[in-house]
Amino acid sequence: MNRLVWIAALIALSTSCAAKYQPQGFTGGYDDVQLSADTFQITAKGNGYTSPERAQQMALLRACDLTLRAGYDRFVVGSGDTQQRVAGMTATTATFIGNTTTINPSMPIRKPTGSLVIHAVKAGGPAYAGAYDANLIASQLRPRLT
């Protein structure tokens, strides 16, 4: 019996937190596709506890990591979007205390997705001055998301 309690607690802990910055898994995460030597499509999916802002920040941090890994230090965003899909509904509950009934209606479970298409740029290129600094952004987002 004690083992079942621990397993239930671990499942509850793993599913009751916002999506982590990690490759796409059961509780969310990022996925990416390299479209060319300097262009990437990134998608970050959250779970029911993830805000749309967090999903977008996960996609942005992944953009920084891919830019730096490809040997660049800046990138421009070609396109970006945040969407939410309804993945189900919470249960409706009723609480009876004496002659009082309290009803908690069901609520939608929303799962956000942040997506970006980015182009890494080299120093001296025409888009470099207006491009995002991957090191600067990563240094701010990584502590929040990991």
N, C-alpha and C. Protein backbone atom coordinates (compact mmCIF):
# COMPACT_ATOMS: atom_id res chain seq x y z
N MET A 1 0.83 -1.20 0.00
CA MET A 1 0.00 0.00 0.00
C MET A 1 0.86 1.25 0.00
N ASN A 2 1.93 1.26 0.79
CA ASN A 2 2.81 2.41 0.87
C ASN A 2 3.42 2.73 -0.49
N ARG A 3 3.77 1.69 -1.25
CA ARG A 3 4.35 1.87 -2.57
C ARG A 3 3.36 2.55 -3.51
N LEU A 4 2.09 2.18 -3.44
CA LEU A 4 1.06 2.80 -4.28
C LEU A 4 0.90 4.28 -3.96
N VAL A 5 1.01 4.64 -2.69
CA VAL A 5 0.91 6.04 -2.29
C VAL A 5 2.05 6.83 -2.91
N TRP A 6 3.27 6.29 -2.87
CA TRP A 6 4.42 6.97 -3.46
C TRP A 6 4.28 7.12 -4.97
N ILE A 7 3.81 6.09 -5.63
CA ILE A 7 3.61 6.15 -7.08
C ILE A 7 2.56 7.21 -7.42
N ALA A 8 1.46 7.24 -6.69
CA ALA A 8 0.42 8.24 -6.92
C ALA A 8 0.97 9.65 -6.69
N ALA A 9 1.77 9.82 -5.65
CA ALA A 9 2.35 11.13 -5.37
C ALA A 9 3.30 11.57 -6.47
N LEU A 10 4.11 10.65 -6.98
CA LEU A 10 5.02 10.99 -8.07
C LEU A 10 4.27 11.35 -9.34
N ILE A 11 3.21 10.63 -9.64
CA ILE A 11 2.40 10.95 -10.81
C ILE A 11 1.76 12.32 -10.64
N ALA A 12 1.23 12.60 -9.46
CA ALA A 12 0.60 13.90 -9.21
C ALA A 12 1.62 15.03 -9.34
N LEU A 13 2.81 14.84 -8.81
CA LEU A 13 3.84 15.87 -8.92
C LEU A 13 4.29 16.07 -10.35
N SER A 14 4.42 15.00 -11.10
CA SER A 14 4.91 15.13 -12.47
C SER A 14 3.87 15.73 -13.40
N THR A 15 2.60 15.62 -13.06
CA THR A 15 1.57 16.13 -13.95
C THR A 15 0.96 17.43 -13.46
N SER A 16 1.32 17.89 -12.27
CA SER A 16 0.68 19.10 -11.75
C SER A 16 1.56 20.33 -11.88
N CYS A 17 2.60 20.26 -12.68
CA CYS A 17 3.50 21.38 -12.85
C CYS A 17 3.44 21.84 -14.30
N ALA A 18 3.78 23.11 -14.49
CA ALA A 18 3.86 23.64 -15.85
C ALA A 18 4.92 22.86 -16.63
N ALA A 19 4.77 22.84 -17.93
CA ALA A 19 5.72 22.13 -18.79
C ALA A 19 7.13 22.66 -18.56
N LYS A 20 8.09 21.76 -18.57
CA LYS A 20 9.49 22.13 -18.37
C LYS A 20 10.15 22.36 -19.72
N TYR A 21 11.28 23.07 -19.69
CA TYR A 21 12.08 23.25 -20.89
C TYR A 21 12.84 21.96 -21.12
N GLN A 22 12.32 21.14 -22.01
CA GLN A 22 12.87 19.82 -22.29
C GLN A 22 12.34 19.38 -23.65
N PRO A 23 12.96 18.36 -24.26
CA PRO A 23 12.38 17.84 -25.50
C PRO A 23 10.94 17.39 -25.26
N GLN A 24 10.13 17.48 -26.30
CA GLN A 24 8.71 17.13 -26.20
C GLN A 24 8.52 15.77 -25.56
N GLY A 25 7.67 15.74 -24.54
CA GLY A 25 7.35 14.51 -23.84
C GLY A 25 5.90 14.51 -23.40
N PHE A 26 5.57 13.64 -22.47
CA PHE A 26 4.20 13.48 -21.99
C PHE A 26 3.64 14.76 -21.37
N THR A 27 4.48 15.53 -20.67
CA THR A 27 4.00 16.74 -19.99
C THR A 27 4.30 18.02 -20.76
N GLY A 28 4.72 17.91 -22.01
CA GLY A 28 5.02 19.08 -22.81
C GLY A 28 6.50 19.19 -23.09
N GLY A 29 6.89 20.29 -23.73
CA GLY A 29 8.28 20.53 -24.06
C GLY A 29 8.41 21.10 -25.46
N TYR A 30 9.63 21.11 -26.00
CA TYR A 30 9.87 21.70 -27.30
C TYR A 30 10.19 20.64 -28.35
N ASP A 31 10.00 21.04 -29.60
CA ASP A 31 10.36 20.23 -30.75
C ASP A 31 10.85 21.20 -31.81
N ASP A 32 11.80 20.79 -32.63
CA ASP A 32 12.29 21.69 -33.66
C ASP A 32 12.68 20.93 -34.90
N VAL A 33 12.70 21.66 -36.02
CA VAL A 33 13.10 21.13 -37.32
C VAL A 33 14.05 22.13 -37.94
N GLN A 34 15.19 21.66 -38.42
CA GLN A 34 16.12 22.54 -39.13
C GLN A 34 15.68 22.59 -40.58
N LEU A 35 15.34 23.80 -41.05
CA LEU A 35 14.84 23.97 -42.41
C LEU A 35 15.96 24.25 -43.41
N SER A 36 17.04 24.86 -42.95
CA SER A 36 18.24 25.10 -43.75
C SER A 36 19.39 25.29 -42.77
N ALA A 37 20.56 25.64 -43.28
CA ALA A 37 21.73 25.78 -42.40
C ALA A 37 21.51 26.81 -41.30
N ASP A 38 20.68 27.82 -41.57
CA ASP A 38 20.49 28.90 -40.60
C ASP A 38 19.02 29.17 -40.26
N THR A 39 18.14 28.26 -40.59
CA THR A 39 16.70 28.47 -40.37
C THR A 39 16.12 27.28 -39.62
N PHE A 40 15.33 27.59 -38.58
CA PHE A 40 14.74 26.56 -37.73
C PHE A 40 13.27 26.86 -37.47
N GLN A 41 12.47 25.81 -37.40
CA GLN A 41 11.08 25.91 -36.97
C GLN A 41 11.02 25.27 -35.59
N ILE A 42 10.48 26.01 -34.63
CA ILE A 42 10.45 25.57 -33.24
C ILE A 42 9.01 25.58 -32.75
N THR A 43 8.64 24.52 -32.03
CA THR A 43 7.33 24.45 -31.40
C THR A 43 7.52 24.07 -29.94
N ALA A 44 6.87 24.80 -29.05
CA ALA A 44 6.90 24.47 -27.62
C ALA A 44 5.46 24.26 -27.17
N LYS A 45 5.19 23.08 -26.62
CA LYS A 45 3.84 22.73 -26.18
C LYS A 45 3.79 22.66 -24.67
N GLY A 46 2.74 23.23 -24.12
CA GLY A 46 2.54 23.19 -22.69
C GLY A 46 1.49 22.17 -22.30
N ASN A 47 1.30 22.02 -21.00
CA ASN A 47 0.23 21.18 -20.48
C ASN A 47 -0.83 22.10 -19.88
N GLY A 48 -1.79 21.54 -19.18
CA GLY A 48 -2.88 22.32 -18.62
C GLY A 48 -2.46 23.33 -17.55
N TYR A 49 -1.22 23.25 -17.06
CA TYR A 49 -0.71 24.17 -16.05
C TYR A 49 0.25 25.20 -16.63
N THR A 50 0.41 25.21 -17.94
CA THR A 50 1.36 26.09 -18.61
C THR A 50 0.65 27.31 -19.17
N SER A 51 1.20 28.49 -18.90
CA SER A 51 0.63 29.71 -19.46
C SER A 51 1.08 29.86 -20.91
N PRO A 52 0.31 30.61 -21.72
CA PRO A 52 0.75 30.87 -23.09
C PRO A 52 2.11 31.59 -23.13
N GLU A 53 2.35 32.46 -22.15
CA GLU A 53 3.62 33.19 -22.10
C GLU A 53 4.79 32.22 -21.90
N ARG A 54 4.60 31.23 -21.04
CA ARG A 54 5.67 30.25 -20.79
C ARG A 54 5.95 29.43 -22.05
N ALA A 55 4.92 29.03 -22.76
CA ALA A 55 5.11 28.27 -24.00
C ALA A 55 5.90 29.11 -25.01
N GLN A 56 5.58 30.38 -25.12
CA GLN A 56 6.29 31.25 -26.05
C GLN A 56 7.74 31.45 -25.60
N GLN A 57 7.96 31.59 -24.30
CA GLN A 57 9.32 31.74 -23.79
C GLN A 57 10.14 30.47 -23.99
N MET A 58 9.51 29.31 -23.88
CA MET A 58 10.21 28.05 -24.15
C MET A 58 10.66 28.01 -25.61
N ALA A 59 9.80 28.43 -26.53
CA ALA A 59 10.16 28.47 -27.94
C ALA A 59 11.31 29.46 -28.17
N LEU A 60 11.26 30.59 -27.49
CA LEU A 60 12.30 31.60 -27.62
C LEU A 60 13.64 31.10 -27.08
N LEU A 61 13.63 30.42 -25.94
CA LEU A 61 14.86 29.87 -25.40
C LEU A 61 15.42 28.79 -26.33
N ARG A 62 14.56 27.98 -26.90
CA ARG A 62 15.04 26.98 -27.84
C ARG A 62 15.65 27.65 -29.07
N ALA A 63 15.08 28.77 -29.51
CA ALA A 63 15.65 29.53 -30.62
C ALA A 63 17.07 29.98 -30.28
N CYS A 64 17.27 30.44 -29.06
CA CYS A 64 18.61 30.86 -28.62
C CYS A 64 19.58 29.68 -28.64
N ASP A 65 19.15 28.55 -28.09
CA ASP A 65 20.02 27.37 -28.04
C ASP A 65 20.39 26.88 -29.43
N LEU A 66 19.43 26.85 -30.34
CA LEU A 66 19.72 26.39 -31.71
C LEU A 66 20.63 27.37 -32.43
N THR A 67 20.42 28.66 -32.22
CA THR A 67 21.27 29.68 -32.84
C THR A 67 22.71 29.52 -32.39
N LEU A 68 22.92 29.38 -31.09
CA LEU A 68 24.27 29.26 -30.54
C LEU A 68 24.91 27.93 -30.97
N ARG A 69 24.13 26.87 -30.97
CA ARG A 69 24.65 25.56 -31.37
C ARG A 69 25.08 25.55 -32.83
N ALA A 70 24.40 26.34 -33.67
CA ALA A 70 24.73 26.42 -35.10
C ALA A 70 25.93 27.33 -35.37
N GLY A 71 26.47 27.97 -34.32
CA GLY A 71 27.64 28.82 -34.49
C GLY A 71 27.35 30.29 -34.73
N TYR A 72 26.12 30.69 -34.50
CA TYR A 72 25.71 32.08 -34.65
C TYR A 72 25.49 32.67 -33.26
N ASP A 73 25.35 34.01 -33.19
CA ASP A 73 25.05 34.60 -31.89
C ASP A 73 23.79 35.48 -31.92
N ARG A 74 23.20 35.66 -33.08
CA ARG A 74 21.95 36.44 -33.18
C ARG A 74 21.01 35.77 -34.16
N PHE A 75 19.71 36.11 -34.00
CA PHE A 75 18.70 35.56 -34.90
C PHE A 75 17.57 36.57 -35.10
N VAL A 76 16.86 36.42 -36.19
CA VAL A 76 15.65 37.19 -36.45
C VAL A 76 14.49 36.21 -36.49
N VAL A 77 13.32 36.69 -36.10
CA VAL A 77 12.12 35.86 -36.10
C VAL A 77 11.39 36.10 -37.41
N GLY A 78 11.23 35.03 -38.18
CA GLY A 78 10.49 35.12 -39.43
C GLY A 78 9.00 35.11 -39.19
N SER A 79 8.56 34.29 -38.25
CA SER A 79 7.14 34.25 -37.87
C SER A 79 7.04 33.64 -36.48
N GLY A 80 5.95 33.94 -35.82
CA GLY A 80 5.72 33.41 -34.48
C GLY A 80 4.24 33.46 -34.14
N ASP A 81 3.83 32.55 -33.26
CA ASP A 81 2.42 32.46 -32.91
C ASP A 81 2.28 31.71 -31.59
N THR A 82 1.26 32.05 -30.84
CA THR A 82 0.88 31.30 -29.64
C THR A 82 -0.59 30.95 -29.77
N GLN A 83 -0.90 29.68 -29.59
CA GLN A 83 -2.28 29.21 -29.67
C GLN A 83 -2.60 28.39 -28.44
N GLN A 84 -3.89 28.26 -28.17
CA GLN A 84 -4.34 27.38 -27.09
C GLN A 84 -5.41 26.46 -27.65
N ARG A 85 -5.31 25.20 -27.27
CA ARG A 85 -6.36 24.27 -27.66
C ARG A 85 -6.99 23.71 -26.40
N VAL A 86 -8.27 23.43 -26.48
CA VAL A 86 -8.97 22.84 -25.35
C VAL A 86 -8.76 21.33 -25.43
N ALA A 87 -8.15 20.79 -24.37
CA ALA A 87 -7.80 19.37 -24.36
C ALA A 87 -8.77 18.52 -23.55
N GLY A 88 -9.78 19.14 -22.97
CA GLY A 88 -10.74 18.41 -22.15
C GLY A 88 -11.38 19.35 -21.16
N MET A 89 -12.09 18.77 -20.23
CA MET A 89 -12.78 19.55 -19.21
C MET A 89 -12.48 18.95 -17.84
N THR A 90 -12.42 19.82 -16.83
CA THR A 90 -12.29 19.33 -15.47
C THR A 90 -13.63 18.73 -15.05
N ALA A 91 -13.62 17.97 -14.01
CA ALA A 91 -14.85 17.34 -13.52
C ALA A 91 -15.70 18.36 -12.77
N THR A 92 -17.01 18.21 -12.90
CA THR A 92 -17.95 18.99 -12.09
C THR A 92 -18.08 18.29 -10.75
N THR A 93 -18.00 19.06 -9.68
CA THR A 93 -18.12 18.46 -8.35
C THR A 93 -19.23 19.15 -7.57
N ALA A 94 -19.81 18.40 -6.67
CA ALA A 94 -20.82 18.93 -5.77
C ALA A 94 -20.44 18.57 -4.35
N THR A 95 -20.54 19.56 -3.45
CA THR A 95 -20.24 19.34 -2.04
C THR A 95 -21.51 19.58 -1.25
N PHE A 96 -21.87 18.61 -0.43
CA PHE A 96 -23.07 18.71 0.40
C PHE A 96 -22.65 18.84 1.85
N ILE A 97 -23.04 19.95 2.48
CA ILE A 97 -22.80 20.15 3.91
C ILE A 97 -24.13 20.59 4.52
N GLY A 98 -24.72 19.70 5.28
CA GLY A 98 -26.04 20.00 5.87
C GLY A 98 -27.05 20.23 4.76
N ASN A 99 -27.71 21.39 4.79
CA ASN A 99 -28.70 21.75 3.77
C ASN A 99 -28.10 22.60 2.66
N THR A 100 -26.78 22.71 2.61
CA THR A 100 -26.12 23.56 1.62
C THR A 100 -25.39 22.69 0.60
N THR A 101 -25.61 23.03 -0.66
CA THR A 101 -24.93 22.34 -1.75
C THR A 101 -24.09 23.37 -2.50
N THR A 102 -22.82 23.03 -2.70
CA THR A 102 -21.93 23.88 -3.48
C THR A 102 -21.54 23.13 -4.74
N ILE A 103 -21.77 23.76 -5.90
CA ILE A 103 -21.44 23.15 -7.18
C ILE A 103 -20.23 23.86 -7.76
N ASN A 104 -19.22 23.09 -8.14
CA ASN A 104 -18.06 23.62 -8.86
C ASN A 104 -18.17 23.13 -10.30
N PRO A 105 -18.48 24.03 -11.23
CA PRO A 105 -18.68 23.60 -12.62
C PRO A 105 -17.38 23.16 -13.27
N SER A 106 -17.52 22.40 -14.33
CA SER A 106 -16.33 21.99 -15.07
C SER A 106 -15.74 23.19 -15.81
N MET A 107 -14.45 23.14 -16.00
CA MET A 107 -13.72 24.22 -16.68
C MET A 107 -12.89 23.59 -17.79
N PRO A 108 -12.67 24.34 -18.88
CA PRO A 108 -11.84 23.78 -19.95
C PRO A 108 -10.37 23.68 -19.52
N ILE A 109 -9.71 22.65 -19.98
CA ILE A 109 -8.27 22.48 -19.78
C ILE A 109 -7.61 22.97 -21.06
N ARG A 110 -6.88 24.06 -20.97
CA ARG A 110 -6.25 24.67 -22.14
C ARG A 110 -4.76 24.34 -22.17
N LYS A 111 -4.29 23.95 -23.34
CA LYS A 111 -2.88 23.64 -23.52
C LYS A 111 -2.31 24.57 -24.59
N PRO A 112 -1.38 25.45 -24.20
CA PRO A 112 -0.82 26.41 -25.16
C PRO A 112 0.30 25.81 -26.01
N THR A 113 0.46 26.38 -27.19
CA THR A 113 1.56 26.04 -28.09
C THR A 113 2.18 27.34 -28.58
N GLY A 114 3.47 27.46 -28.43
CA GLY A 114 4.20 28.60 -28.97
C GLY A 114 5.06 28.11 -30.12
N SER A 115 5.05 28.84 -31.23
CA SER A 115 5.85 28.42 -32.37
C SER A 115 6.59 29.60 -32.96
N LEU A 116 7.77 29.32 -33.48
CA LEU A 116 8.62 30.34 -34.11
C LEU A 116 9.31 29.74 -35.32
N VAL A 117 9.55 30.56 -36.32
CA VAL A 117 10.50 30.25 -37.38
C VAL A 117 11.56 31.33 -37.27
N ILE A 118 12.81 30.91 -37.10
CA ILE A 118 13.89 31.86 -36.91
C ILE A 118 14.98 31.66 -37.96
N HIS A 119 15.71 32.75 -38.20
CA HIS A 119 16.85 32.74 -39.11
C HIS A 119 18.04 33.25 -38.32
N ALA A 120 19.08 32.43 -38.18
CA ALA A 120 20.30 32.86 -37.50
C ALA A 120 21.08 33.77 -38.45
N VAL A 121 21.70 34.81 -37.91
CA VAL A 121 22.44 35.77 -38.75
C VAL A 121 23.86 35.94 -38.21
N LYS A 122 24.78 36.17 -39.14
CA LYS A 122 26.19 36.37 -38.79
C LYS A 122 26.49 37.85 -38.63
N ALA A 123 27.53 38.15 -37.87
CA ALA A 123 27.99 39.53 -37.70
C ALA A 123 28.36 40.09 -39.07
N GLY A 124 27.97 41.33 -39.28
CA GLY A 124 28.27 41.99 -40.55
C GLY A 124 27.16 41.85 -41.57
N GLY A 125 26.23 40.94 -41.34
CA GLY A 125 25.12 40.76 -42.27
C GLY A 125 24.13 41.92 -42.16
N PRO A 126 23.30 42.12 -43.17
CA PRO A 126 22.38 43.27 -43.16
C PRO A 126 21.35 43.24 -42.02
N ALA A 127 20.98 42.07 -41.53
CA ALA A 127 19.97 41.97 -40.47
C ALA A 127 20.58 41.92 -39.08
N TYR A 128 21.91 41.90 -38.98
CA TYR A 128 22.57 41.67 -37.70
C TYR A 128 22.23 42.73 -36.65
N ALA A 129 22.25 43.99 -37.02
CA ALA A 129 22.03 45.08 -36.05
C ALA A 129 20.65 44.99 -35.39
N GLY A 130 19.64 44.54 -36.11
CA GLY A 130 18.29 44.45 -35.56
C GLY A 130 17.93 43.07 -35.05
N ALA A 131 18.88 42.15 -35.06
CA ALA A 131 18.60 40.77 -34.65
C ALA A 131 18.65 40.63 -33.14
N TYR A 132 18.00 39.59 -32.64
CA TYR A 132 17.99 39.30 -31.21
C TYR A 132 19.30 38.65 -30.78
N ASP A 133 19.81 39.05 -29.63
CA ASP A 133 21.05 38.52 -29.06
C ASP A 133 20.73 37.23 -28.32
N ALA A 134 21.17 36.10 -28.87
CA ALA A 134 20.83 34.80 -28.29
C ALA A 134 21.40 34.62 -26.89
N ASN A 135 22.63 35.08 -26.65
CA ASN A 135 23.23 34.93 -25.32
C ASN A 135 22.47 35.75 -24.27
N LEU A 136 22.11 36.97 -24.61
CA LEU A 136 21.39 37.84 -23.68
C LEU A 136 20.03 37.25 -23.31
N ILE A 137 19.29 36.83 -24.31
CA ILE A 137 17.95 36.28 -24.07
C ILE A 137 18.04 34.99 -23.27
N ALA A 138 18.96 34.11 -23.65
CA ALA A 138 19.11 32.83 -22.95
C ALA A 138 19.48 33.04 -21.49
N SER A 139 20.32 34.04 -21.21
CA SER A 139 20.73 34.28 -19.82
C SER A 139 19.56 34.73 -18.95
N GLN A 140 18.55 35.34 -19.56
CA GLN A 140 17.38 35.77 -18.82
C GLN A 140 16.31 34.68 -18.70
N LEU A 141 16.13 33.91 -19.76
CA LEU A 141 15.06 32.91 -19.77
C LEU A 141 15.44 31.59 -19.10
N ARG A 142 16.68 31.16 -19.23
CA ARG A 142 17.07 29.86 -18.70
C ARG A 142 16.77 29.70 -17.20
N PRO A 143 17.09 30.71 -16.35
CA PRO A 143 16.77 30.54 -14.92
C PRO A 143 15.26 30.39 -14.65
N ARG A 144 14.43 31.00 -15.47
CA ARG A 144 12.99 30.91 -15.28
C ARG A 144 12.39 29.57 -15.73
N LEU A 145 13.02 28.98 -16.75
CA LEU A 145 12.41 27.84 -17.42
C LEU A 145 13.05 26.50 -17.08
N THR A 146 14.22 26.50 -16.42
CA THR A 146 14.88 25.23 -16.14
C THR A 146 14.98 25.02 -14.64
